[in-house]
Amino acid sequence: MEVHHQSHHPKKWKEYITEFLMLFLAVSLGFFAENIREQQVEKHREISYLQNVHEDLKLDLINVDDVINLNTKELRAMDTFFQKINNNTITNEDFYYYTRNLLLRKTFESSHIGLDQIKSAGGLRMIKNVEIIKGIQEYERQLDALYKIENSRESTIEQARFKMAVVFEPTITYEMQVNQGKGVMRFNRPQKADSIMQKNKSEVKELLNLVAFKINANLYLNNNLTKQKNIGQKLDSAIVKEYGDEFH
């Protein structure tokens, strides 16, 4: 018995072209869909990270003002202290009071959550706004300069405290610590102090110079903090202008 096989007619060239075009279109659409999805994910991250930078900047600007205000109050207290010294109206109790309090400090600590997220995600490549990119770079450069001044001031404070440990009477130091209050000049003036300025003149002179160096650093810090504030405000305005409507 003969078996007849169904004959297959060869495809026309138009059919091959049609199949190729359909396959090409399917692959292209899949590629474009994936590309759009990745762009949406990147955009979502960009908005989320810059919202965190915006929140960080708000905290930083408050912190900047707090540090500037405290540094300014210390500068005023330093003026009063040295006027008393120049006018020969300084008492031993005053010496303890001003020296101990003027070696306090408040440091500027930047909130860095958003910027750290951007760095961990591959840097600034995800941000499209050039003004924001430049603002972030300028903010971080100024922040680095600020920290260098603070580190230098901290070194001076450390030296001054070692010197203070040499010239201060321990019982008076303890009295001031026990009865301390709050604020810039939180260590209260002792009830009665030893003749510290007469007993240790050379040591006292060195300590006074260190206190003066520390307070002088406040001037440099305030100048740099003001720059940091201006850069931060400009950067935050650019972020809000570009993304503010999309923040949650």
C-alpha atoms as a PDB file:
ATOM      1  CA  MET A   1       0.000   0.000   0.000  1.00  0.00           C
ATOM      2  CA  GLU A   2       1.435   3.298  -1.006  1.00  0.00           C
ATOM      3  CA  VAL A   3       1.632   6.158   1.461  1.00  0.00           C
ATOM      4  CA  HIS A   4       1.274   9.590   0.030  1.00  0.00           C
ATOM      5  CA  HIS A   5       3.066  12.360   1.978  1.00  0.00           C
ATOM      6  CA  GLN A   6       1.536  15.772   2.054  1.00  0.00           C
ATOM      7  CA  SER A   7       3.717  18.011   0.025  1.00  0.00           C
ATOM      8  CA  HIS A   8       5.123  21.196   1.668  1.00  0.00           C
ATOM      9  CA  HIS A   9       5.184  24.208  -0.522  1.00  0.00           C
ATOM     10  CA  PRO A  10       8.230  26.437  -0.041  1.00  0.00           C
ATOM     11  CA  LYS A  11       7.518  29.722   1.718  1.00  0.00           C
ATOM     12  CA  LYS A  12       7.467  32.823  -0.269  1.00  0.00           C
ATOM     13  CA  TRP A  13      10.097  35.435   0.502  1.00  0.00           C
ATOM     14  CA  LYS A  14       7.435  37.810   1.778  1.00  0.00           C
ATOM     15  CA  GLU A  15       6.529  35.319   4.512  1.00  0.00           C
ATOM     16  CA  TYR A  16      10.139  35.173   5.681  1.00  0.00           C
ATOM     17  CA  ILE A  17      10.282  38.937   5.832  1.00  0.00           C
ATOM     18  CA  THR A  18       7.007  39.070   7.759  1.00  0.00           C
ATOM     19  CA  GLU A  19       8.203  36.502  10.323  1.00  0.00           C
ATOM     20  CA  PHE A  20      11.502  38.320  10.696  1.00  0.00           C
ATOM     21  CA  LEU A  21       9.765  41.652  11.212  1.00  0.00           C
ATOM     22  CA  MET A  22       7.391  40.167  13.803  1.00  0.00           C
ATOM     23  CA  LEU A  23      10.287  38.577  15.692  1.00  0.00           C
ATOM     24  CA  PHE A  24      12.312  41.774  15.490  1.00  0.00           C
ATOM     25  CA  LEU A  25       9.342  43.808  16.694  1.00  0.00           C
ATOM     26  CA  ALA A  26       8.728  41.445  19.638  1.00  0.00           C
ATOM     27  CA  VAL A  27      12.385  41.594  20.721  1.00  0.00           C
ATOM     28  CA  SER A  28      12.499  45.376  20.289  1.00  0.00           C
ATOM     29  CA  LEU A  29       9.337  45.904  22.296  1.00  0.00           C
ATOM     30  CA  GLY A  30      10.690  43.703  25.071  1.00  0.00           C
ATOM     31  CA  PHE A  31      13.931  45.657  25.057  1.00  0.00           C
ATOM     32  CA  PHE A  32      12.150  49.008  25.147  1.00  0.00           C
ATOM     33  CA  ALA A  33       9.814  47.838  27.916  1.00  0.00           C
ATOM     34  CA  GLU A  34      12.769  46.688  30.044  1.00  0.00           C
ATOM     35  CA  ASN A  35      14.601  49.933  29.342  1.00  0.00           C
ATOM     36  CA  ILE A  36      11.566  51.982  30.384  1.00  0.00           C
ATOM     37  CA  ARG A  37      11.198  49.910  33.557  1.00  0.00           C
ATOM     38  CA  GLU A  38      14.863  50.463  34.466  1.00  0.00           C
ATOM     39  CA  GLN A  39      14.503  54.183  33.825  1.00  0.00           C
ATOM     40  CA  GLN A  40      11.463  54.305  36.097  1.00  0.00           C
ATOM     41  CA  VAL A  41      13.366  52.458  38.837  1.00  0.00           C
ATOM     42  CA  GLU A  42      16.340  54.828  38.452  1.00  0.00           C
ATOM     43  CA  LYS A  43      14.040  57.853  38.538  1.00  0.00           C
ATOM     44  CA  HIS A  44      12.341  56.568  41.671  1.00  0.00           C
ATOM     45  CA  ARG A  45      15.735  56.098  43.356  1.00  0.00           C
ATOM     46  CA  GLU A  46      16.854  59.547  42.222  1.00  0.00           C
ATOM     47  CA  ILE A  47      13.770  61.178  43.740  1.00  0.00           C
ATOM     48  CA  SER A  48      13.970  59.098  46.933  1.00  0.00           C
ATOM     49  CA  TYR A  49      17.676  59.788  47.518  1.00  0.00           C
ATOM     50  CA  LEU A  50      17.365  63.506  46.811  1.00  0.00           C
ATOM     51  CA  GLN A  51      14.392  63.736  49.144  1.00  0.00           C
ATOM     52  CA  ASN A  52      16.691  62.319  51.828  1.00  0.00           C
ATOM     53  CA  VAL A  53      19.347  64.898  50.870  1.00  0.00           C
ATOM     54  CA  HIS A  54      16.653  67.584  51.222  1.00  0.00           C
ATOM     55  CA  GLU A  55      15.750  66.323  54.710  1.00  0.00           C
ATOM     56  CA  ASP A  56      19.450  66.137  55.638  1.00  0.00           C
ATOM     57  CA  LEU A  57      19.999  69.725  54.511  1.00  0.00           C
ATOM     58  CA  LYS A  58      17.119  70.966  56.658  1.00  0.00           C
ATOM     59  CA  LEU A  59      18.743  69.381  59.717  1.00  0.00           C
ATOM     60  CA  ASP A  60      22.179  70.691  58.712  1.00  0.00           C
ATOM     61  CA  LEU A  61      20.930  74.261  58.381  1.00  0.00           C
ATOM     62  CA  ILE A  62      19.445  74.128  61.888  1.00  0.00           C
ATOM     63  CA  ASN A  63      22.687  72.658  63.247  1.00  0.00           C
ATOM     64  CA  VAL A  64      24.766  75.328  61.485  1.00  0.00           C
ATOM     65  CA  ASP A  65      22.779  78.115  63.153  1.00  0.00           C
ATOM     66  CA  ASP A  66      23.116  76.448  66.572  1.00  0.00           C
ATOM     67  CA  VAL A  67      26.910  76.172  66.262  1.00  0.00           C
ATOM     68  CA  ILE A  68      27.291  79.730  64.939  1.00  0.00           C
ATOM     69  CA  ASN A  69      25.205  81.095  67.833  1.00  0.00           C
ATOM     70  CA  LEU A  70      27.221  79.204  70.440  1.00  0.00           C
ATOM     71  CA  ASN A  71      30.544  80.257  68.868  1.00  0.00           C
ATOM     72  CA  THR A  72      29.373  83.878  68.842  1.00  0.00           C
ATOM     73  CA  LYS A  73      28.419  83.743  72.543  1.00  0.00           C
ATOM     74  CA  GLU A  74      31.857  82.307  73.337  1.00  0.00           C
ATOM     75  CA  LEU A  75      33.515  85.143  71.401  1.00  0.00           C
ATOM     76  CA  ARG A  76      31.582  87.687  73.492  1.00  0.00           C
ATOM     77  CA  ALA A  77      32.532  85.891  76.711  1.00  0.00           C
ATOM     78  CA  MET A  78      36.170  85.891  75.586  1.00  0.00           C
ATOM     79  CA  ASP A  79      36.027  89.672  75.057  1.00  0.00           C
ATOM     80  CA  THR A  80      34.666  90.144  78.580  1.00  0.00           C
ATOM     81  CA  PHE A  81      37.330  87.818  80.014  1.00  0.00           C
ATOM     82  CA  PHE A  82      40.256  89.645  78.420  1.00  0.00           C
ATOM     83  CA  GLN A  83      38.809  93.060  79.241  1.00  0.00           C
ATOM     84  CA  LYS A  84      38.834  92.020  82.888  1.00  0.00           C
ATOM     85  CA  ILE A  85      42.449  90.889  82.506  1.00  0.00           C
ATOM     86  CA  ASN A  86      43.482  94.151  80.801  1.00  0.00           C
ATOM     87  CA  ASN A  87      41.619  96.246  83.383  1.00  0.00           C
ATOM     88  CA  ASN A  88      43.104  94.284  86.300  1.00  0.00           C
ATOM     89  CA  THR A  89      39.602  93.510  87.528  1.00  0.00           C
ATOM     90  CA  ILE A  90      39.940  89.755  87.001  1.00  0.00           C
ATOM     91  CA  THR A  91      39.557  87.562  90.073  1.00  0.00           C
ATOM     92  CA  ASN A  92      40.786  84.018  90.613  1.00  0.00           C
ATOM     93  CA  GLU A  93      37.167  82.901  90.594  1.00  0.00           C
ATOM     94  CA  ASP A  94      36.685  84.639  87.232  1.00  0.00           C
ATOM     95  CA  PHE A  95      39.742  82.881  85.872  1.00  0.00           C
ATOM     96  CA  TYR A  96      38.326  79.459  86.723  1.00  0.00           C
ATOM     97  CA  TYR A  97      34.881  80.409  85.448  1.00  0.00           C
ATOM     98  CA  TYR A  98      35.886  81.763  82.035  1.00  0.00           C
ATOM     99  CA  THR A  99      38.717  79.354  81.306  1.00  0.00           C
ATOM    100  CA  ARG A 100      36.669  76.254  82.092  1.00  0.00           C
ATOM    101  CA  ASN A 101      33.653  77.389  80.083  1.00  0.00           C
ATOM    102  CA  LEU A 102      35.582  78.713  77.100  1.00  0.00           C
ATOM    103  CA  LEU A 103      37.079  75.278  76.538  1.00  0.00           C
ATOM    104  CA  LEU A 104      33.639  73.859  75.805  1.00  0.00           C
ATOM    105  CA  ARG A 105      32.605  73.538  72.170  1.00  0.00           C
ATOM    106  CA  LYS A 106      29.817  72.423  69.904  1.00  0.00           C
ATOM    107  CA  THR A 107      30.812  70.709  66.683  1.00  0.00           C
ATOM    108  CA  PHE A 108      28.932  70.686  63.402  1.00  0.00           C
ATOM    109  CA  GLU A 109      27.840  67.177  62.438  1.00  0.00           C
ATOM    110  CA  SER A 110      26.317  66.870  58.992  1.00  0.00           C
ATOM    111  CA  SER A 111      23.423  64.490  58.442  1.00  0.00           C
ATOM    112  CA  HIS A 112      24.687  62.389  55.551  1.00  0.00           C
ATOM    113  CA  ILE A 113      22.043  59.732  54.847  1.00  0.00           C
ATOM    114  CA  GLY A 114      21.038  60.922  51.394  1.00  0.00           C
ATOM    115  CA  LEU A 115      24.573  61.604  50.183  1.00  0.00           C
ATOM    116  CA  ASP A 116      25.747  58.217  51.450  1.00  0.00           C
ATOM    117  CA  GLN A 117      22.901  56.525  49.565  1.00  0.00           C
ATOM    118  CA  ILE A 118      23.885  58.308  46.359  1.00  0.00           C
ATOM    119  CA  LYS A 119      27.508  57.226  46.771  1.00  0.00           C
ATOM    120  CA  SER A 120      26.572  53.598  47.436  1.00  0.00           C
ATOM    121  CA  ALA A 121      24.340  53.635  44.336  1.00  0.00           C
ATOM    122  CA  GLY A 122      27.239  54.576  42.086  1.00  0.00           C
ATOM    123  CA  GLY A 123      27.798  58.272  42.652  1.00  0.00           C
ATOM    124  CA  LEU A 124      26.132  61.206  40.970  1.00  0.00           C
ATOM    125  CA  ARG A 125      25.517  59.469  37.625  1.00  0.00           C
ATOM    126  CA  MET A 126      21.806  59.015  38.395  1.00  0.00           C
ATOM    127  CA  ILE A 127      21.256  62.765  38.882  1.00  0.00           C
ATOM    128  CA  LYS A 128      20.439  64.590  35.665  1.00  0.00           C
ATOM    129  CA  ASN A 129      20.293  68.160  36.979  1.00  0.00           C
ATOM    130  CA  VAL A 130      23.750  69.743  36.552  1.00  0.00           C
ATOM    131  CA  GLU A 131      23.068  72.473  39.122  1.00  0.00           C
ATOM    132  CA  ILE A 132      22.299  69.855  41.779  1.00  0.00           C
ATOM    133  CA  ILE A 133      25.416  67.836  40.915  1.00  0.00           C
ATOM    134  CA  LYS A 134      27.619  70.930  41.239  1.00  0.00           C
ATOM    135  CA  GLY A 135      25.827  71.904  44.448  1.00  0.00           C
ATOM    136  CA  ILE A 136      26.476  68.517  46.061  1.00  0.00           C
ATOM    137  CA  GLN A 137      30.150  68.605  45.052  1.00  0.00           C
ATOM    138  CA  GLU A 138      30.571  72.133  46.405  1.00  0.00           C
ATOM    139  CA  TYR A 139      28.744  71.233  49.630  1.00  0.00           C
ATOM    140  CA  GLU A 140      31.041  68.271  50.267  1.00  0.00           C
ATOM    141  CA  ARG A 141      34.212  70.284  49.498  1.00  0.00           C
ATOM    142  CA  GLN A 142      33.149  72.974  51.957  1.00  0.00           C
ATOM    143  CA  LEU A 143      32.237  70.313  54.509  1.00  0.00           C
ATOM    144  CA  ASP A 144      35.736  68.854  54.238  1.00  0.00           C
ATOM    145  CA  ALA A 145      37.297  72.302  54.824  1.00  0.00           C
ATOM    146  CA  LEU A 146      35.028  72.800  57.837  1.00  0.00           C
ATOM    147  CA  TYR A 147      36.018  69.492  59.414  1.00  0.00           C
ATOM    148  CA  LYS A 148      39.713  70.352  59.038  1.00  0.00           C
ATOM    149  CA  ILE A 149      39.212  73.553  61.040  1.00  0.00           C
ATOM    150  CA  GLU A 150      37.235  71.671  63.687  1.00  0.00           C
ATOM    151  CA  ASN A 151      39.974  69.040  63.972  1.00  0.00           C
ATOM    152  CA  SER A 152      42.562  71.788  64.433  1.00  0.00           C
ATOM    153  CA  ARG A 153      40.413  73.427  67.115  1.00  0.00           C
ATOM    154  CA  GLU A 154      39.971  70.081  68.858  1.00  0.00           C
ATOM    155  CA  SER A 155      43.732  69.651  69.036  1.00  0.00           C
ATOM    156  CA  THR A 156      44.055  73.076  70.690  1.00  0.00           C
ATOM    157  CA  ILE A 157      41.314  72.232  73.179  1.00  0.00           C
ATOM    158  CA  GLU A 158      43.074  68.993  74.079  1.00  0.00           C
ATOM    159  CA  GLN A 159      46.334  70.851  74.785  1.00  0.00           C
ATOM    160  CA  ALA A 160      44.498  73.460  76.831  1.00  0.00           C
ATOM    161  CA  ARG A 161      42.776  70.819  78.935  1.00  0.00           C
ATOM    162  CA  PHE A 162      46.089  69.133  79.698  1.00  0.00           C
ATOM    163  CA  LYS A 163      47.455  72.515  80.776  1.00  0.00           C
ATOM    164  CA  MET A 164      44.298  73.206  82.778  1.00  0.00           C
ATOM    165  CA  ALA A 165      44.877  69.937  84.639  1.00  0.00           C
ATOM    166  CA  VAL A 166      48.281  71.311  85.698  1.00  0.00           C
ATOM    167  CA  VAL A 167      47.140  74.692  87.025  1.00  0.00           C
ATOM    168  CA  PHE A 168      43.607  74.027  88.290  1.00  0.00           C
ATOM    169  CA  GLU A 169      42.958  72.982  91.865  1.00  0.00           C
ATOM    170  CA  PRO A 170      41.166  69.602  91.688  1.00  0.00           C
ATOM    171  CA  THR A 171      38.675  70.381  94.432  1.00  0.00           C
ATOM    172  CA  ILE A 172      37.576  73.551  92.618  1.00  0.00           C
ATOM    173  CA  THR A 173      37.265  71.695  89.319  1.00  0.00           C
ATOM    174  CA  TYR A 174      35.082  69.147  91.088  1.00  0.00           C
ATOM    175  CA  GLU A 175      32.944  71.874  92.658  1.00  0.00           C
ATOM    176  CA  MET A 176      32.302  73.427  89.255  1.00  0.00           C
ATOM    177  CA  GLN A 177      31.442  70.088  87.671  1.00  0.00           C
ATOM    178  CA  VAL A 178      29.013  69.101  90.414  1.00  0.00           C
ATOM    179  CA  ASN A 179      27.130  72.377  90.286  1.00  0.00           C
ATOM    180  CA  GLN A 180      27.116  72.912  86.539  1.00  0.00           C
ATOM    181  CA  GLY A 181      23.984  74.116  84.820  1.00  0.00           C
ATOM    182  CA  LYS A 182      23.083  74.422  81.144  1.00  0.00           C
ATOM    183  CA  GLY A 183      24.009  76.607  78.220  1.00  0.00           C
ATOM    184  CA  VAL A 184      27.238  78.104  76.930  1.00  0.00           C
ATOM    185  CA  MET A 185      28.661  79.107  80.328  1.00  0.00           C
ATOM    186  CA  ARG A 186      27.252  76.159  82.226  1.00  0.00           C
ATOM    187  CA  PHE A 187      30.064  75.753  84.774  1.00  0.00           C
ATOM    188  CA  ASN A 188      29.226  78.046  87.685  1.00  0.00           C
ATOM    189  CA  ARG A 189      31.771  80.423  89.145  1.00  0.00           C
ATOM    190  CA  PRO A 190      33.384  78.797  92.231  1.00  0.00           C
ATOM    191  CA  GLN A 191      32.613  80.281  95.637  1.00  0.00           C
ATOM    192  CA  LYS A 192      36.287  80.737  96.459  1.00  0.00           C
ATOM    193  CA  ALA A 193      39.395  79.949  94.426  1.00  0.00           C
ATOM    194  CA  ASP A 194      43.099  79.697  95.178  1.00  0.00           C
ATOM    195  CA  SER A 195      45.566  82.340  93.945  1.00  0.00           C
ATOM    196  CA  ILE A 196      45.954  80.541  90.633  1.00  0.00           C
ATOM    197  CA  MET A 197      47.171  83.557  88.651  1.00  0.00           C
ATOM    198  CA  GLN A 198      49.924  84.363  91.113  1.00  0.00           C
ATOM    199  CA  LYS A 199      51.159  80.829  91.767  1.00  0.00           C
ATOM    200  CA  ASN A 200      51.585  79.593  88.182  1.00  0.00           C
ATOM    201  CA  LYS A 201      52.206  82.665  86.036  1.00  0.00           C
ATOM    202  CA  SER A 202      54.036  80.967  83.181  1.00  0.00           C
ATOM    203  CA  GLU A 203      51.594  78.048  83.093  1.00  0.00           C
ATOM    204  CA  VAL A 204      48.634  80.421  83.277  1.00  0.00           C
ATOM    205  CA  LYS A 205      50.043  82.485  80.414  1.00  0.00           C
ATOM    206  CA  GLU A 206      50.330  79.379  78.255  1.00  0.00           C
ATOM    207  CA  LEU A 207      46.807  78.295  79.155  1.00  0.00           C
ATOM    208  CA  LEU A 208      45.414  81.727  78.290  1.00  0.00           C
ATOM    209  CA  ASN A 209      47.107  81.623  74.898  1.00  0.00           C
ATOM    210  CA  LEU A 210      45.586  78.217  74.181  1.00  0.00           C
ATOM    211  CA  VAL A 211      42.140  79.481  75.168  1.00  0.00           C
ATOM    212  CA  ALA A 212      42.637  82.483  72.867  1.00  0.00           C
ATOM    213  CA  PHE A 213      43.703  80.203  69.988  1.00  0.00           C
ATOM    214  CA  LYS A 214      40.628  78.068  70.509  1.00  0.00           C
ATOM    215  CA  ILE A 215      38.289  81.060  70.493  1.00  0.00           C
ATOM    216  CA  ASN A 216      40.051  82.502  67.442  1.00  0.00           C
ATOM    217  CA  ALA A 217      39.251  79.247  65.661  1.00  0.00           C
ATOM    218  CA  ASN A 218      35.584  80.070  66.295  1.00  0.00           C
ATOM    219  CA  LEU A 219      35.929  83.030  63.926  1.00  0.00           C
ATOM    220  CA  TYR A 220      37.208  80.801  61.123  1.00  0.00           C
ATOM    221  CA  LEU A 221      34.529  78.253  61.901  1.00  0.00           C
ATOM    222  CA  ASN A 222      31.746  80.829  61.780  1.00  0.00           C
ATOM    223  CA  ASN A 223      32.979  82.109  58.416  1.00  0.00           C
ATOM    224  CA  ASN A 224      33.071  78.586  57.012  1.00  0.00           C
ATOM    225  CA  LEU A 225      29.761  77.663  58.607  1.00  0.00           C
ATOM    226  CA  THR A 226      28.175  80.680  56.947  1.00  0.00           C
ATOM    227  CA  LYS A 227      29.564  79.508  53.589  1.00  0.00           C
ATOM    228  CA  GLN A 228      28.251  76.016  54.306  1.00  0.00           C
ATOM    229  CA  LYS A 229      24.831  77.465  55.076  1.00  0.00           C
ATOM    230  CA  ASN A 230      24.712  79.507  51.865  1.00  0.00           C
ATOM    231  CA  ILE A 231      25.773  76.532  49.739  1.00  0.00           C
ATOM    232  CA  GLY A 232      23.261  74.292  51.523  1.00  0.00           C
ATOM    233  CA  GLN A 233      20.392  76.735  51.021  1.00  0.00           C
ATOM    234  CA  LYS A 234      21.197  77.090  47.306  1.00  0.00           C
ATOM    235  CA  LEU A 235      21.458  73.316  46.877  1.00  0.00           C
ATOM    236  CA  ASP A 236      18.214  72.689  48.744  1.00  0.00           C
ATOM    237  CA  SER A 237      16.373  75.272  46.623  1.00  0.00           C
ATOM    238  CA  ALA A 238      17.583  73.542  43.447  1.00  0.00           C
ATOM    239  CA  ILE A 239      16.439  70.140  44.752  1.00  0.00           C
ATOM    240  CA  VAL A 240      12.993  71.411  45.782  1.00  0.00           C
ATOM    241  CA  LYS A 241      12.548  73.234  42.483  1.00  0.00           C
ATOM    242  CA  GLU A 242      13.377  70.109  40.465  1.00  0.00           C
ATOM    243  CA  TYR A 243      11.801  67.370  42.617  1.00  0.00           C
ATOM    244  CA  GLY A 244       9.687  69.024  45.303  1.00  0.00           C
ATOM    245  CA  ASP A 245       6.356  68.177  43.636  1.00  0.00           C
ATOM    246  CA  GLU A 246       7.326  64.486  43.611  1.00  0.00           C
ATOM    247  CA  PHE A 247       8.337  64.219  47.256  1.00  0.00           C
ATOM    248  CA  HIS A 248       6.039  62.143  49.441  1.00  0.00           C
END
